[in-house]
C-alpha atoms as a PDB file:
ATOM      1  CA  MET A   1     -30.912  15.124   8.410  1.00  0.00           C
ATOM      2  CA  ARG A   2     -30.391  11.969   6.456  1.00  0.00           C
ATOM      3  CA  GLY A   3     -31.966  11.602   3.043  1.00  0.00           C
ATOM      4  CA  THR A   4     -34.555   9.010   2.160  1.00  0.00           C
ATOM      5  CA  ARG A   5     -32.980   5.665   1.491  1.00  0.00           C
ATOM      6  CA  ARG A   6     -32.577   5.187  -2.215  1.00  0.00           C
ATOM      7  CA  ARG A   7     -34.359   2.276  -3.816  1.00  0.00           C
ATOM      8  CA  GLY A   8     -31.931  -0.515  -4.554  1.00  0.00           C
ATOM      9  CA  ALA A   9     -29.117   1.200  -2.693  1.00  0.00           C
ATOM     10  CA  PRO A  10     -26.711  -1.379  -1.307  1.00  0.00           C
ATOM     11  CA  ARG A  11     -25.706  -1.464   2.293  1.00  0.00           C
ATOM     12  CA  VAL A  12     -22.346   0.215   2.142  1.00  0.00           C
ATOM     13  CA  ALA A  13     -19.463  -0.393   4.517  1.00  0.00           C
ATOM     14  CA  VAL A  14     -16.978   2.461   4.759  1.00  0.00           C
ATOM     15  CA  THR A  15     -13.509   1.915   6.187  1.00  0.00           C
ATOM     16  CA  SER A  16     -10.404   4.045   6.476  1.00  0.00           C
ATOM     17  CA  ASP A  17      -7.228   4.110   8.523  1.00  0.00           C
ATOM     18  CA  GLN A  18      -8.350   7.659   9.390  1.00  0.00           C
ATOM     19  CA  SER A  19     -11.504   7.326  11.497  1.00  0.00           C
ATOM     20  CA  LEU A  20     -12.684  10.902  10.911  1.00  0.00           C
ATOM     21  CA  ILE A  21     -12.582  10.353   7.158  1.00  0.00           C
ATOM     22  CA  ALA A  22     -14.633   7.164   7.490  1.00  0.00           C
ATOM     23  CA  GLU A  23     -17.195   8.971   9.626  1.00  0.00           C
ATOM     24  CA  SER A  24     -17.554  11.987   7.320  1.00  0.00           C
ATOM     25  CA  VAL A  25     -17.853   9.909   4.138  1.00  0.00           C
ATOM     26  CA  CYS A  26     -20.285   7.541   5.821  1.00  0.00           C
ATOM     27  CA  ALA A  27     -22.463  10.497   6.805  1.00  0.00           C
ATOM     28  CA  ALA A  28     -22.279  11.995   3.297  1.00  0.00           C
ATOM     29  CA  LEU A  29     -23.394   8.730   1.704  1.00  0.00           C
ATOM     30  CA  ALA A  30     -26.185   8.380   4.265  1.00  0.00           C
ATOM     31  CA  ASP A  31     -27.375  11.864   3.315  1.00  0.00           C
ATOM     32  CA  ARG A  32     -27.683  10.553  -0.234  1.00  0.00           C
ATOM     33  CA  GLY A  33     -29.943   7.715   0.851  1.00  0.00           C
ATOM     34  CA  PHE A  34     -27.432   4.908   1.347  1.00  0.00           C
ATOM     35  CA  ASP A  35     -27.692   2.495   4.239  1.00  0.00           C
ATOM     36  CA  THR A  36     -24.222   2.951   5.667  1.00  0.00           C
ATOM     37  CA  MET A  37     -22.015   1.482   8.344  1.00  0.00           C
ATOM     38  CA  ILE A  38     -18.421   1.970   9.458  1.00  0.00           C
ATOM     39  CA  LEU A  39     -16.145  -1.034   9.311  1.00  0.00           C
ATOM     40  CA  GLY A  40     -13.047  -1.287  11.468  1.00  0.00           C
ATOM     41  CA  TRP A  41      -9.643  -0.952   9.867  1.00  0.00           C
ATOM     42  CA  PRO A  42      -7.437  -4.010  10.554  1.00  0.00           C
ATOM     43  CA  GLY A  43      -5.566  -3.413  13.787  1.00  0.00           C
ATOM     44  CA  HIS A  44      -7.790  -0.485  14.803  1.00  0.00           C
ATOM     45  CA  GLN A  45     -10.477  -0.815  17.437  1.00  0.00           C
ATOM     46  CA  ALA A  46     -13.147   1.730  18.287  1.00  0.00           C
ATOM     47  CA  ASP A  47     -16.515   1.767  20.033  1.00  0.00           C
ATOM     48  CA  GLY A  48     -19.460   1.262  17.690  1.00  0.00           C
ATOM     49  CA  VAL A  49     -17.274   0.152  14.790  1.00  0.00           C
ATOM     50  CA  ARG A  50     -17.879  -3.314  13.426  1.00  0.00           C
ATOM     51  CA  PRO A  51     -15.041  -5.783  12.921  1.00  0.00           C
ATOM     52  CA  PRO A  52     -14.705  -6.973   9.299  1.00  0.00           C
ATOM     53  CA  GLY A  53     -15.559 -10.630   9.865  1.00  0.00           C
ATOM     54  CA  ARG A  54     -19.000  -9.970  11.379  1.00  0.00           C
ATOM     55  CA  ALA A  55     -20.361  -7.391   8.982  1.00  0.00           C
ATOM     56  CA  ARG A  56     -22.894  -7.897   6.188  1.00  0.00           C
ATOM     57  CA  PHE A  57     -22.904  -5.411   3.347  1.00  0.00           C
ATOM     58  CA  GLY A  58     -23.353  -5.254  -0.392  1.00  0.00           C
ATOM     59  CA  ALA A  59     -20.480  -2.951  -1.286  1.00  0.00           C
ATOM     60  CA  GLY A  60     -17.497  -1.493   0.474  1.00  0.00           C
ATOM     61  CA  LEU A  61     -15.614   1.777   0.180  1.00  0.00           C
ATOM     62  CA  MET A  62     -12.031   1.761   1.410  1.00  0.00           C
ATOM     63  CA  ILE A  63     -10.198   5.088   1.776  1.00  0.00           C
ATOM     64  CA  SER A  64      -6.469   5.285   2.474  1.00  0.00           C
ATOM     65  CA  GLU A  65      -3.413   7.070   1.173  1.00  0.00           C
ATOM     66  CA  LEU A  66      -1.658   3.681   0.981  1.00  0.00           C
ATOM     67  CA  ASP A  67       1.688   5.441   1.243  1.00  0.00           C
ATOM     68  CA  THR A  68       3.254   3.084   3.788  1.00  0.00           C
ATOM     69  CA  PRO A  69       3.867  -0.682   3.700  1.00  0.00           C
ATOM     70  CA  ALA A  70       1.756  -1.067   6.852  1.00  0.00           C
ATOM     71  CA  GLN A  71      -1.251   0.591   5.208  1.00  0.00           C
ATOM     72  CA  VAL A  72      -0.926  -1.606   2.129  1.00  0.00           C
ATOM     73  CA  ARG A  73      -0.634  -4.781   4.219  1.00  0.00           C
ATOM     74  CA  SER A  74      -3.682  -3.886   6.318  1.00  0.00           C
ATOM     75  CA  SER A  75      -5.770  -2.992   3.285  1.00  0.00           C
ATOM     76  CA  ARG A  76      -4.906  -6.273   1.576  1.00  0.00           C
ATOM     77  CA  ILE A  77      -5.958  -8.235   4.674  1.00  0.00           C
ATOM     78  CA  LEU A  78      -9.392  -6.632   4.533  1.00  0.00           C
ATOM     79  CA  LEU A  79      -9.700  -7.068   0.758  1.00  0.00           C
ATOM     80  CA  ALA A  80      -8.873 -10.761   1.039  1.00  0.00           C
ATOM     81  CA  GLU A  81     -11.625 -11.260   3.616  1.00  0.00           C
ATOM     82  CA  ARG A  82     -14.311  -9.804   1.334  1.00  0.00           C
ATOM     83  CA  SER A  83     -12.863 -10.055  -2.161  1.00  0.00           C
ATOM     84  CA  GLY A  84     -14.687  -8.416  -5.069  1.00  0.00           C
ATOM     85  CA  CYS A  85     -16.956  -6.011  -3.210  1.00  0.00           C
ATOM     86  CA  TRP A  86     -14.538  -3.130  -2.593  1.00  0.00           C
ATOM     87  CA  LEU A  87     -14.045   0.221  -4.241  1.00  0.00           C
ATOM     88  CA  VAL A  88     -10.656   1.519  -3.072  1.00  0.00           C
ATOM     89  CA  MET A  89     -10.044   5.276  -3.056  1.00  0.00           C
ATOM     90  CA  THR A  90      -6.437   6.378  -2.622  1.00  0.00           C
ATOM     91  CA  SER A  91      -4.007   9.207  -3.236  1.00  0.00           C
ATOM     92  CA  ALA A  92      -1.344   6.706  -4.327  1.00  0.00           C
ATOM     93  CA  PRO A  93      -0.418   7.213  -7.992  1.00  0.00           C
ATOM     94  CA  ARG A  94      -1.641   4.715 -10.548  1.00  0.00           C
ATOM     95  CA  GLY A  95       0.945   1.933 -10.528  1.00  0.00           C
ATOM     96  CA  PRO A  96       2.153  -0.917  -8.290  1.00  0.00           C
ATOM     97  CA  ILE A  97       0.010  -0.005  -5.287  1.00  0.00           C
ATOM     98  CA  TRP A  98      -3.137  -0.039  -7.409  1.00  0.00           C
ATOM     99  CA  GLY A  99      -2.100  -3.437  -8.732  1.00  0.00           C
ATOM    100  CA  ALA A 100      -1.512  -4.677  -5.183  1.00  0.00           C
ATOM    101  CA  GLU A 101      -5.060  -3.744  -4.203  1.00  0.00           C
ATOM    102  CA  LEU A 102      -6.561  -5.343  -7.322  1.00  0.00           C
ATOM    103  CA  GLU A 103      -4.494  -8.483  -6.850  1.00  0.00           C
ATOM    104  CA  ALA A 104      -5.790  -8.738  -3.277  1.00  0.00           C
ATOM    105  CA  GLY A 105      -9.412  -8.578  -4.462  1.00  0.00           C
ATOM    106  CA  ALA A 106     -10.470  -4.950  -4.971  1.00  0.00           C
ATOM    107  CA  ALA A 107     -13.117  -4.447  -7.652  1.00  0.00           C
ATOM    108  CA  ARG A 108     -11.608  -1.098  -8.636  1.00  0.00           C
ATOM    109  CA  VAL A 109      -9.082   1.443  -7.428  1.00  0.00           C
ATOM    110  CA  VAL A 110      -9.828   5.141  -7.966  1.00  0.00           C
ATOM    111  CA  PRO A 111      -8.099   8.429  -7.105  1.00  0.00           C
ATOM    112  CA  THR A 112      -9.212  10.681  -4.275  1.00  0.00           C
ATOM    113  CA  SER A 113     -10.152  13.264  -6.914  1.00  0.00           C
ATOM    114  CA  TRP A 114     -13.352  11.282  -7.530  1.00  0.00           C
ATOM    115  CA  THR A 115     -16.479  13.187  -6.532  1.00  0.00           C
ATOM    116  CA  LEU A 116     -19.129  11.828  -4.213  1.00  0.00           C
ATOM    117  CA  ASP A 117     -21.429  11.390  -7.233  1.00  0.00           C
ATOM    118  CA  GLN A 118     -18.822   9.193  -8.908  1.00  0.00           C
ATOM    119  CA  VAL A 119     -18.341   7.176  -5.736  1.00  0.00           C
ATOM    120  CA  ALA A 120     -22.091   6.668  -5.357  1.00  0.00           C
ATOM    121  CA  ALA A 121     -22.401   5.516  -8.971  1.00  0.00           C
ATOM    122  CA  GLY A 122     -19.488   3.140  -8.512  1.00  0.00           C
ATOM    123  CA  LEU A 123     -21.023   1.615  -5.394  1.00  0.00           C
ATOM    124  CA  PHE A 124     -24.339   1.073  -7.203  1.00  0.00           C
ATOM    125  CA  SER A 125     -22.566  -0.610 -10.096  1.00  0.00           C
ATOM    126  CA  LEU A 126     -20.598  -2.768  -7.708  1.00  0.00           C
ATOM    127  CA  GLN A 127     -23.739  -3.914  -5.906  1.00  0.00           C
ATOM    128  CA  GLN A 128     -25.332  -4.790  -9.238  1.00  0.00           C
ATOM    129  CA  GLY A 129     -22.397  -6.968 -10.215  1.00  0.00           C
ATOM    130  CA  ALA A 130     -21.117  -4.749 -13.016  1.00  0.00           C
ATOM    131  CA  ALA A 131     -17.474  -4.990 -14.032  1.00  0.00           C
ATOM    132  CA  LEU A 132     -15.880  -1.796 -12.722  1.00  0.00           C
ATOM    133  CA  LEU A 133     -12.602  -2.241 -14.561  1.00  0.00           C
ATOM    134  CA  HIS A 134     -11.691  -3.629 -17.971  1.00  0.00           C
ATOM    135  CA  ALA A 135      -9.948  -6.988 -17.710  1.00  0.00           C
ATOM    136  CA  GLU A 136      -6.987  -5.631 -19.692  1.00  0.00           C
ATOM    137  CA  ASP A 137      -6.516  -2.710 -17.300  1.00  0.00           C
ATOM    138  CA  ARG A 138      -6.744  -4.985 -14.281  1.00  0.00           C
ATOM    139  CA  ALA A 139      -4.228  -7.445 -15.717  1.00  0.00           C
ATOM    140  CA  ALA A 140      -1.794  -4.660 -16.621  1.00  0.00           C
ATOM    141  CA  LEU A 141      -1.874  -3.127 -13.139  1.00  0.00           C
ATOM    142  CA  VAL A 142      -1.510  -6.501 -11.425  1.00  0.00           C
ATOM    143  CA  GLU A 143       1.480  -7.239 -13.658  1.00  0.00           C
ATOM    144  CA  VAL A 144       3.080  -3.940 -12.602  1.00  0.00           C
ATOM    145  CA  TRP A 145       2.606  -4.993  -8.974  1.00  0.00           C
ATOM    146  CA  ASN A 146       4.041  -8.457  -9.581  1.00  0.00           C
ATOM    147  CA  ARG A 147       7.144  -6.990 -11.235  1.00  0.00           C
ATOM    148  CA  HIS A 148       7.541  -4.556  -8.353  1.00  0.00           C
ATOM    149  CA  ARG A 149       7.206  -7.384  -5.844  1.00  0.00           C
ATOM    150  CA  SER A 150       9.766  -9.516  -7.700  1.00  0.00           C
ATOM    151  CA  LEU A 151      12.270  -6.661  -7.708  1.00  0.00           C
ATOM    152  CA  ARG A 152      11.664  -6.136  -4.003  1.00  0.00           C
ATOM    153  CA  VAL A 153      12.367  -9.814  -3.259  1.00  0.00           C
ATOM    154  CA  GLU A 154      15.490  -9.742  -5.420  1.00  0.00           C
ATOM    155  CA  ARG A 155      16.705  -6.589  -3.677  1.00  0.00           C
ATOM    156  CA  ALA A 156      16.180  -8.157  -0.251  1.00  0.00           C
ATOM    157  CA  GLU A 157      18.075 -11.296  -1.268  1.00  0.00           C
ATOM    158  CA  ARG A 158      21.045  -9.257  -2.486  1.00  0.00           C
ATOM    159  CA  LEU A 159      21.165  -7.299   0.752  1.00  0.00           C
ATOM    160  CA  GLN A 160      21.036 -10.541   2.717  1.00  0.00           C
ATOM    161  CA  SER A 161      24.110 -11.751   0.818  1.00  0.00           C
ATOM    162  CA  LEU A 162      26.212  -9.039   2.469  1.00  0.00           C
ATOM    163  CA  SER A 163      28.360 -10.012   5.408  1.00  0.00           C
ATOM    164  CA  PRO A 164      27.610  -8.306   8.748  1.00  0.00           C
ATOM    165  CA  ARG A 165      30.640  -6.032   8.281  1.00  0.00           C
ATOM    166  CA  GLU A 166      29.615  -5.145   4.702  1.00  0.00           C
ATOM    167  CA  ARG A 167      26.087  -4.366   5.857  1.00  0.00           C
ATOM    168  CA  HIS A 168      27.496  -2.142   8.592  1.00  0.00           C
ATOM    169  CA  VAL A 169      29.653  -0.272   6.073  1.00  0.00           C
ATOM    170  CA  LEU A 170      26.654   0.162   3.748  1.00  0.00           C
ATOM    171  CA  GLU A 171      24.547   1.532   6.590  1.00  0.00           C
ATOM    172  CA  MET A 172      27.252   4.067   7.425  1.00  0.00           C
ATOM    173  CA  LEU A 173      27.430   5.114   3.766  1.00  0.00           C
ATOM    174  CA  TYR A 174      23.641   5.459   3.899  1.00  0.00           C
ATOM    175  CA  ASP A 175      24.063   7.796   6.889  1.00  0.00           C
ATOM    176  CA  GLY A 176      26.493   9.916   4.880  1.00  0.00           C
ATOM    177  CA  VAL A 177      29.694   8.840   6.638  1.00  0.00           C
ATOM    178  CA  PRO A 178      32.712   9.160   4.280  1.00  0.00           C
ATOM    179  CA  VAL A 179      35.103   6.275   3.697  1.00  0.00           C
ATOM    180  CA  GLY A 180      37.896   7.847   5.739  1.00  0.00           C
ATOM    181  CA  SER A 181      35.643   8.290   8.755  1.00  0.00           C
ATOM    182  CA  ILE A 182      34.288   4.742   8.405  1.00  0.00           C
ATOM    183  CA  ALA A 183      37.891   3.466   8.529  1.00  0.00           C
ATOM    184  CA  ALA A 184      38.587   5.468  11.681  1.00  0.00           C
ATOM    185  CA  LEU A 185      35.389   4.347  13.391  1.00  0.00           C
ATOM    186  CA  LEU A 186      36.019   0.682  12.597  1.00  0.00           C
ATOM    187  CA  GLY A 187      39.743   0.802  13.308  1.00  0.00           C
ATOM    188  CA  ILE A 188      40.736  -0.391   9.849  1.00  0.00           C
ATOM    189  CA  SER A 189      42.497   1.158   6.872  1.00  0.00           C
ATOM    190  CA  ALA A 190      40.715   3.201   4.229  1.00  0.00           C
ATOM    191  CA  ALA A 191      41.973   0.675   1.669  1.00  0.00           C
ATOM    192  CA  THR A 192      40.150  -2.092   3.534  1.00  0.00           C
ATOM    193  CA  VAL A 193      36.946  -0.037   3.552  1.00  0.00           C
ATOM    194  CA  ARG A 194      37.263   0.606  -0.181  1.00  0.00           C
ATOM    195  CA  SER A 195      37.723  -3.128  -0.728  1.00  0.00           C
ATOM    196  CA  GLN A 196      34.558  -3.807   1.262  1.00  0.00           C
ATOM    197  CA  VAL A 197      32.686  -1.178  -0.736  1.00  0.00           C
ATOM    198  CA  LYS A 198      33.749  -2.927  -3.944  1.00  0.00           C
ATOM    199  CA  ALA A 199      32.382  -6.205  -2.555  1.00  0.00           C
ATOM    200  CA  ILE A 200      29.116  -4.460  -1.675  1.00  0.00           C
ATOM    201  CA  LEU A 201      28.745  -3.061  -5.186  1.00  0.00           C
ATOM    202  CA  ARG A 202      29.415  -6.475  -6.704  1.00  0.00           C
ATOM    203  CA  LYS A 203      26.912  -8.281  -4.471  1.00  0.00           C
ATOM    204  CA  LEU A 204      24.226  -5.657  -5.040  1.00  0.00           C
ATOM    205  CA  ASP A 205      24.957  -5.614  -8.787  1.00  0.00           C
ATOM    206  CA  VAL A 206      25.370  -1.827  -8.884  1.00  0.00           C
ATOM    207  CA  ARG A 207      28.208   0.391 -10.086  1.00  0.00           C
ATOM    208  CA  THR A 208      28.280   3.289  -7.630  1.00  0.00           C
ATOM    209  CA  GLN A 209      28.057   3.951  -3.907  1.00  0.00           C
ATOM    210  CA  LEU A 210      25.020   6.116  -4.607  1.00  0.00           C
ATOM    211  CA  ALA A 211      23.259   3.183  -6.267  1.00  0.00           C
ATOM    212  CA  ALA A 212      24.173   0.911  -3.336  1.00  0.00           C
ATOM    213  CA  VAL A 213      22.771   3.434  -0.866  1.00  0.00           C
ATOM    214  CA  SER A 214      19.631   3.742  -3.026  1.00  0.00           C
ATOM    215  CA  THR A 215      19.185  -0.044  -2.859  1.00  0.00           C
ATOM    216  CA  LEU A 216      19.210   0.062   0.926  1.00  0.00           C
ATOM    217  CA  GLU A 217      16.912   3.096   0.954  1.00  0.00           C
ATOM    218  CA  GLN A 218      14.366   1.328  -1.264  1.00  0.00           C
ATOM    219  CA  HIS A 219      14.556  -1.753   0.931  1.00  0.00           C
ATOM    220  CA  GLU A 220      13.890   0.322   4.041  1.00  0.00           C
ATOM    221  CA  ALA A 221      10.954   2.012   2.309  1.00  0.00           C
ATOM    222  CA  ASP A 222       9.447  -1.404   1.520  1.00  0.00           C
ATOM    223  CA  GLY A 223       9.227  -2.058   5.246  1.00  0.00           C
END
């Protein structure tokens, strides 16, 4: 049975890329007297779930691990639509991802270790217009995100400078294929492969094959 609606409680929108999590948290907040609703995650559609653009609410609670580029992109779309009214709860470590959410318009990012009491207090404060994060903390986290984004762009540009053959060689190194086998597969000499590897290292501004492979791995992880 739901609790009596708390005086001054904001209408809270709860969204998550995991629908069962959104439903359970929405029910828990309703039991504490909040007027709750479930808001659709960008790209997800479900019966009885409101799309972001049509909903009216005083505060929002977003819950996501934010451990993939797709999750981060979707969350930032929703934050941009309703900037400043969101409390974001995530298992992502404090760092660039937190800064990405703040830069997109989140009022505060908190860990999933927060209790329901802490979440409720945060939503009340958010509805009342209180600053949920010190300006210095916000600026520092956004700066971490901006540096991360700049490095990601620089990494992508360096990879794009590789020729098609160099990119192919790098991908085979990434797959663990040794130089001798690469030469046999491509029908060229091992010396030619080693020359191409040297060109790859120079263009990526790294010193070892391991570092070159790591550059590609990080790029793939960025999505």
